[in-house]
Amino acid sequence: MASIKISDLRPSGLDLFVDSESFLNDLNDSDLAATNGGATPAGVALLGAAWLGYSIGKELARFF
């Protein structure tokens, strides 16, 4: 059976982190603090309303 040796295995995109013009050098504390994510109460309410409307429509469709 043939065997293959890989000696220089680097993850794709590694060049973004190791060159002299790395974007990580341009980040400061205020940029990192401004990074947000997650669900907002309005988004959760909208999703809940859509799910409730779908469920009601599904139940009503059984009668017609």
PDB file of N, CA and C in Angstrom:
ATOM      1  N   MET A   1       0.840  -1.170   0.000  1.00  0.00           N
ATOM      2  CA  MET A   1       0.000   0.000   0.000  1.00  0.00           C
ATOM      3  C   MET A   1       0.895   1.247   0.000  1.00  0.00           C
ATOM      4  N   ALA A   2       0.518   2.241  -0.772  1.00  0.00           N
ATOM      5  CA  ALA A   2       1.303   3.470  -0.873  1.00  0.00           C
ATOM      6  C   ALA A   2       1.056   4.355   0.340  1.00  0.00           C
ATOM      7  N   SER A   3       2.084   5.029   0.761  1.00  0.00           N
ATOM      8  CA  SER A   3       1.931   5.973   1.869  1.00  0.00           C
ATOM      9  C   SER A   3       2.318   7.362   1.381  1.00  0.00           C
ATOM     10  N   ILE A   4       1.610   8.338   1.876  1.00  0.00           N
ATOM     11  CA  ILE A   4       1.841   9.723   1.488  1.00  0.00           C
ATOM     12  C   ILE A   4       2.251  10.491   2.736  1.00  0.00           C
ATOM     13  N   LYS A   5       3.343  11.225   2.632  1.00  0.00           N
ATOM     14  CA  LYS A   5       3.796  12.059   3.739  1.00  0.00           C
ATOM     15  C   LYS A   5       3.542  13.518   3.389  1.00  0.00           C
ATOM     16  N   ILE A   6       2.951  14.214   4.297  1.00  0.00           N
ATOM     17  CA  ILE A   6       2.709  15.643   4.125  1.00  0.00           C
ATOM     18  C   ILE A   6       3.562  16.362   5.155  1.00  0.00           C
ATOM     19  N   SER A   7       4.547  17.112   4.681  1.00  0.00           N
ATOM     20  CA  SER A   7       5.481  17.747   5.613  1.00  0.00           C
ATOM     21  C   SER A   7       5.145  19.212   5.887  1.00  0.00           C
ATOM     22  N   ASP A   8       4.521  19.890   4.952  1.00  0.00           N
ATOM     23  CA  ASP A   8       4.238  21.312   5.124  1.00  0.00           C
ATOM     24  C   ASP A   8       2.732  21.521   5.046  1.00  0.00           C
ATOM     25  N   LEU A   9       2.045  21.233   6.117  1.00  0.00           N
ATOM     26  CA  LEU A   9       0.593  21.360   6.156  1.00  0.00           C
ATOM     27  C   LEU A   9       0.240  22.654   6.877  1.00  0.00           C
ATOM     28  N   ARG A  10      -0.382  23.579   6.148  1.00  0.00           N
ATOM     29  CA  ARG A  10      -0.789  24.854   6.726  1.00  0.00           C
ATOM     30  C   ARG A  10      -2.270  25.058   6.460  1.00  0.00           C
ATOM     31  N   PRO A  11      -3.005  25.561   7.428  1.00  0.00           N
ATOM     32  CA  PRO A  11      -4.430  25.818   7.221  1.00  0.00           C
ATOM     33  C   PRO A  11      -4.638  26.902   6.171  1.00  0.00           C
ATOM     34  N   SER A  12      -5.722  26.798   5.424  1.00  0.00           N
ATOM     35  CA  SER A  12      -6.007  27.835   4.439  1.00  0.00           C
ATOM     36  C   SER A  12      -6.324  29.134   5.161  1.00  0.00           C
ATOM     37  N   GLY A  13      -5.900  30.225   4.616  1.00  0.00           N
ATOM     38  CA  GLY A  13      -6.096  31.532   5.219  1.00  0.00           C
ATOM     39  C   GLY A  13      -5.050  31.905   6.250  1.00  0.00           C
ATOM     40  N   LEU A  14      -4.044  31.080   6.418  1.00  0.00           N
ATOM     41  CA  LEU A  14      -2.999  31.370   7.403  1.00  0.00           C
ATOM     42  C   LEU A  14      -2.250  32.654   7.055  1.00  0.00           C
ATOM     43  N   ASP A  15      -2.146  32.964   5.780  1.00  0.00           N
ATOM     44  CA  ASP A  15      -1.424  34.165   5.350  1.00  0.00           C
ATOM     45  C   ASP A  15      -2.067  35.447   5.890  1.00  0.00           C
ATOM     46  N   LEU A  16      -3.361  35.406   6.207  1.00  0.00           N
ATOM     47  CA  LEU A  16      -4.017  36.589   6.755  1.00  0.00           C
ATOM     48  C   LEU A  16      -3.480  36.947   8.136  1.00  0.00           C
ATOM     49  N   PHE A  17      -2.931  35.978   8.830  1.00  0.00           N
ATOM     50  CA  PHE A  17      -2.495  36.215  10.195  1.00  0.00           C
ATOM     51  C   PHE A  17      -0.990  36.399  10.343  1.00  0.00           C
ATOM     52  N   VAL A  18      -0.195  35.936   9.402  1.00  0.00           N
ATOM     53  CA  VAL A  18       1.250  35.944   9.596  1.00  0.00           C
ATOM     54  C   VAL A  18       1.997  37.001   8.785  1.00  0.00           C
ATOM     55  N   ASP A  19       1.383  37.653   7.843  1.00  0.00           N
ATOM     56  CA  ASP A  19       2.131  38.634   7.063  1.00  0.00           C
ATOM     57  C   ASP A  19       2.214  39.970   7.810  1.00  0.00           C
ATOM     58  N   SER A  20       3.015  40.876   7.295  1.00  0.00           N
ATOM     59  CA  SER A  20       3.245  42.153   7.977  1.00  0.00           C
ATOM     60  C   SER A  20       2.041  43.078   7.889  1.00  0.00           C
ATOM     61  N   GLU A  21       1.131  42.823   6.970  1.00  0.00           N
ATOM     62  CA  GLU A  21      -0.045  43.665   6.810  1.00  0.00           C
ATOM     63  C   GLU A  21      -1.288  42.974   7.356  1.00  0.00           C
ATOM     64  N   SER A  22      -1.150  42.310   8.451  1.00  0.00           N
ATOM     65  CA  SER A  22      -2.257  41.579   9.052  1.00  0.00           C
ATOM     66  C   SER A  22      -3.343  42.544   9.506  1.00  0.00           C
ATOM     67  N   PHE A  23      -4.590  42.187   9.290  1.00  0.00           N
ATOM     68  CA  PHE A  23      -5.687  43.036   9.715  1.00  0.00           C
ATOM     69  C   PHE A  23      -5.808  43.062  11.242  1.00  0.00           C
ATOM     70  N   LEU A  24      -5.224  42.084  11.926  1.00  0.00           N
ATOM     71  CA  LEU A  24      -5.290  42.069  13.381  1.00  0.00           C
ATOM     72  C   LEU A  24      -4.516  43.222  13.997  1.00  0.00           C
ATOM     73  N   ASN A  25      -3.527  43.744  13.288  1.00  0.00           N
ATOM     74  CA  ASN A  25      -2.766  44.886  13.800  1.00  0.00           C
ATOM     75  C   ASN A  25      -3.600  46.156  13.814  1.00  0.00           C
ATOM     76  N   ASP A  26      -4.617  46.232  12.968  1.00  0.00           N
ATOM     77  CA  ASP A  26      -5.441  47.425  12.870  1.00  0.00           C
ATOM     78  C   ASP A  26      -6.561  47.465  13.903  1.00  0.00           C
ATOM     79  N   LEU A  27      -6.836  46.364  14.576  1.00  0.00           N
ATOM     80  CA  LEU A  27      -7.899  46.342  15.574  1.00  0.00           C
ATOM     81  C   LEU A  27      -7.426  46.988  16.866  1.00  0.00           C
ATOM     82  N   ASN A  28      -8.293  47.771  17.467  1.00  0.00           N
ATOM     83  CA  ASN A  28      -7.982  48.330  18.779  1.00  0.00           C
ATOM     84  C   ASN A  28      -9.093  47.936  19.751  1.00  0.00           C
ATOM     85  N   ASP A  29      -8.975  48.374  20.987  1.00  0.00           N
ATOM     86  CA  ASP A  29      -9.932  47.962  22.015  1.00  0.00           C
ATOM     87  C   ASP A  29     -11.351  48.426  21.712  1.00  0.00           C
ATOM     88  N   SER A  30     -11.506  49.623  21.154  1.00  0.00           N
ATOM     89  CA  SER A  30     -12.854  50.116  20.868  1.00  0.00           C
ATOM     90  C   SER A  30     -13.503  49.318  19.739  1.00  0.00           C
ATOM     91  N   ASP A  31     -12.715  48.865  18.765  1.00  0.00           N
ATOM     92  CA  ASP A  31     -13.263  48.019  17.706  1.00  0.00           C
ATOM     93  C   ASP A  31     -13.718  46.676  18.259  1.00  0.00           C
ATOM     94  N   LEU A  32     -12.935  46.117  19.144  1.00  0.00           N
ATOM     95  CA  LEU A  32     -13.294  44.830  19.726  1.00  0.00           C
ATOM     96  C   LEU A  32     -14.505  44.952  20.641  1.00  0.00           C
ATOM     97  N   ALA A  33     -14.630  46.063  21.348  1.00  0.00           N
ATOM     98  CA  ALA A  33     -15.766  46.264  22.243  1.00  0.00           C
ATOM     99  C   ALA A  33     -17.052  46.485  21.460  1.00  0.00           C
ATOM    100  N   ALA A  34     -16.949  46.984  20.227  1.00  0.00           N
ATOM    101  CA  ALA A  34     -18.127  47.261  19.419  1.00  0.00           C
ATOM    102  C   ALA A  34     -18.668  46.015  18.733  1.00  0.00           C
ATOM    103  N   THR A  35     -17.973  44.907  18.866  1.00  0.00           N
ATOM    104  CA  THR A  35     -18.435  43.673  18.248  1.00  0.00           C
ATOM    105  C   THR A  35     -19.572  43.110  19.077  1.00  0.00           C
ATOM    106  N   ASN A  36     -20.761  43.053  18.488  1.00  0.00           N
ATOM    107  CA  ASN A  36     -21.947  42.593  19.204  1.00  0.00           C
ATOM    108  C   ASN A  36     -22.604  41.457  18.442  1.00  0.00           C
ATOM    109  N   GLY A  37     -23.514  40.832  19.073  1.00  0.00           N
ATOM    110  CA  GLY A  37     -24.270  39.777  18.418  1.00  0.00           C
ATOM    111  C   GLY A  37     -25.306  39.231  19.373  1.00  0.00           C
ATOM    112  N   GLY A  38     -26.104  38.328  18.868  1.00  0.00           N
ATOM    113  CA  GLY A  38     -27.118  37.720  19.717  1.00  0.00           C
ATOM    114  C   GLY A  38     -28.507  38.173  19.334  1.00  0.00           C
ATOM    115  N   ALA A  39     -29.456  37.755  20.128  1.00  0.00           N
ATOM    116  CA  ALA A  39     -30.858  38.039  19.844  1.00  0.00           C
ATOM    117  C   ALA A  39     -31.306  39.277  20.614  1.00  0.00           C
ATOM    118  N   THR A  40     -32.110  40.093  19.968  1.00  0.00           N
ATOM    119  CA  THR A  40     -32.711  41.244  20.628  1.00  0.00           C
ATOM    120  C   THR A  40     -34.130  40.872  21.032  1.00  0.00           C
ATOM    121  N   PRO A  41     -34.698  41.540  22.013  1.00  0.00           N
ATOM    122  CA  PRO A  41     -36.085  41.230  22.399  1.00  0.00           C
ATOM    123  C   PRO A  41     -37.068  41.392  21.240  1.00  0.00           C
ATOM    124  N   ALA A  42     -36.848  42.398  20.401  1.00  0.00           N
ATOM    125  CA  ALA A  42     -37.745  42.592  19.256  1.00  0.00           C
ATOM    126  C   ALA A  42     -37.618  41.441  18.264  1.00  0.00           C
ATOM    127  N   GLY A  43     -36.409  40.951  18.049  1.00  0.00           N
ATOM    128  CA  GLY A  43     -36.210  39.822  17.141  1.00  0.00           C
ATOM    129  C   GLY A  43     -36.849  38.554  17.661  1.00  0.00           C
ATOM    130  N   VAL A  44     -36.741  38.327  18.965  1.00  0.00           N
ATOM    131  CA  VAL A  44     -37.364  37.146  19.572  1.00  0.00           C
ATOM    132  C   VAL A  44     -38.877  37.248  19.470  1.00  0.00           C
ATOM    133  N   ALA A  45     -39.433  38.434  19.719  1.00  0.00           N
ATOM    134  CA  ALA A  45     -40.880  38.626  19.619  1.00  0.00           C
ATOM    135  C   ALA A  45     -41.359  38.412  18.188  1.00  0.00           C
ATOM    136  N   LEU A  46     -40.608  38.896  17.225  1.00  0.00           N
ATOM    137  CA  LEU A  46     -40.980  38.718  15.822  1.00  0.00           C
ATOM    138  C   LEU A  46     -40.952  37.249  15.432  1.00  0.00           C
ATOM    139  N   LEU A  47     -39.935  36.548  15.856  1.00  0.00           N
ATOM    140  CA  LEU A  47     -39.837  35.122  15.569  1.00  0.00           C
ATOM    141  C   LEU A  47     -40.974  34.356  16.239  1.00  0.00           C
ATOM    142  N   GLY A  48     -41.295  34.710  17.474  1.00  0.00           N
ATOM    143  CA  GLY A  48     -42.406  34.065  18.183  1.00  0.00           C
ATOM    144  C   GLY A  48     -43.733  34.324  17.503  1.00  0.00           C
ATOM    145  N   ALA A  49     -43.954  35.550  17.034  1.00  0.00           N
ATOM    146  CA  ALA A  49     -45.200  35.876  16.342  1.00  0.00           C
ATOM    147  C   ALA A  49     -45.309  35.115  15.027  1.00  0.00           C
ATOM    148  N   ALA A  50     -44.207  34.987  14.314  1.00  0.00           N
ATOM    149  CA  ALA A  50     -44.223  34.234  13.054  1.00  0.00           C
ATOM    150  C   ALA A  50     -44.505  32.760  13.317  1.00  0.00           C
ATOM    151  N   TRP A  51     -43.900  32.204  14.356  1.00  0.00           N
ATOM    152  CA  TRP A  51     -44.137  30.798  14.698  1.00  0.00           C
ATOM    153  C   TRP A  51     -45.585  30.588  15.116  1.00  0.00           C
ATOM    154  N   LEU A  52     -46.145  31.505  15.907  1.00  0.00           N
ATOM    155  CA  LEU A  52     -47.536  31.394  16.337  1.00  0.00           C
ATOM    156  C   LEU A  52     -48.479  31.492  15.142  1.00  0.00           C
ATOM    157  N   GLY A  53     -48.226  32.420  14.234  1.00  0.00           N
ATOM    158  CA  GLY A  53     -49.054  32.542  13.032  1.00  0.00           C
ATOM    159  C   GLY A  53     -48.997  31.298  12.174  1.00  0.00           C
ATOM    160  N   TYR A  54     -47.827  30.722  12.046  1.00  0.00           N
ATOM    161  CA  TYR A  54     -47.683  29.485  11.280  1.00  0.00           C
ATOM    162  C   TYR A  54     -48.464  28.357  11.939  1.00  0.00           C
ATOM    163  N   SER A  55     -48.368  28.249  13.257  1.00  0.00           N
ATOM    164  CA  SER A  55     -49.061  27.176  13.976  1.00  0.00           C
ATOM    165  C   SER A  55     -50.572  27.320  13.867  1.00  0.00           C
ATOM    166  N   ILE A  56     -51.069  28.533  13.988  1.00  0.00           N
ATOM    167  CA  ILE A  56     -52.509  28.766  13.862  1.00  0.00           C
ATOM    168  C   ILE A  56     -52.964  28.451  12.447  1.00  0.00           C
ATOM    169  N   GLY A  57     -52.219  28.899  11.454  1.00  0.00           N
ATOM    170  CA  GLY A  57     -52.570  28.603  10.065  1.00  0.00           C
ATOM    171  C   GLY A  57     -52.554  27.118   9.771  1.00  0.00           C
ATOM    172  N   LYS A  58     -51.623  26.415  10.345  1.00  0.00           N
ATOM    173  CA  LYS A  58     -51.532  24.966  10.153  1.00  0.00           C
ATOM    174  C   LYS A  58     -52.745  24.263  10.764  1.00  0.00           C
ATOM    175  N   GLU A  59     -53.163  24.701  11.946  1.00  0.00           N
ATOM    176  CA  GLU A  59     -54.343  24.110  12.587  1.00  0.00           C
ATOM    177  C   GLU A  59     -55.612  24.439  11.808  1.00  0.00           C
ATOM    178  N   LEU A  60     -55.728  25.658  11.311  1.00  0.00           N
ATOM    179  CA  LEU A  60     -56.916  26.030  10.537  1.00  0.00           C
ATOM    180  C   LEU A  60     -56.984  25.281   9.217  1.00  0.00           C
ATOM    181  N   ALA A  61     -55.851  24.957   8.640  1.00  0.00           N
ATOM    182  CA  ALA A  61     -55.822  24.242   7.361  1.00  0.00           C
ATOM    183  C   ALA A  61     -56.373  22.826   7.502  1.00  0.00           C
ATOM    184  N   ARG A  62     -56.357  22.287   8.705  1.00  0.00           N
ATOM    185  CA  ARG A  62     -56.910  20.940   8.898  1.00  0.00           C
ATOM    186  C   ARG A  62     -58.417  20.915   8.692  1.00  0.00           C
ATOM    187  N   PHE A  63     -59.098  22.048   8.905  1.00  0.00           N
ATOM    188  CA  PHE A  63     -60.552  22.100   8.809  1.00  0.00           C
ATOM    189  C   PHE A  63     -61.045  22.399   7.401  1.00  0.00           C
ATOM    190  N   PHE A  64     -60.184  22.824   6.520  1.00  0.00           N
ATOM    191  CA  PHE A  64     -60.624  23.196   5.164  1.00  0.00           C
ATOM    192  C   PHE A  64     -60.080  22.275   4.124  1.00  0.00           C
TER     193      PHE A  64
END
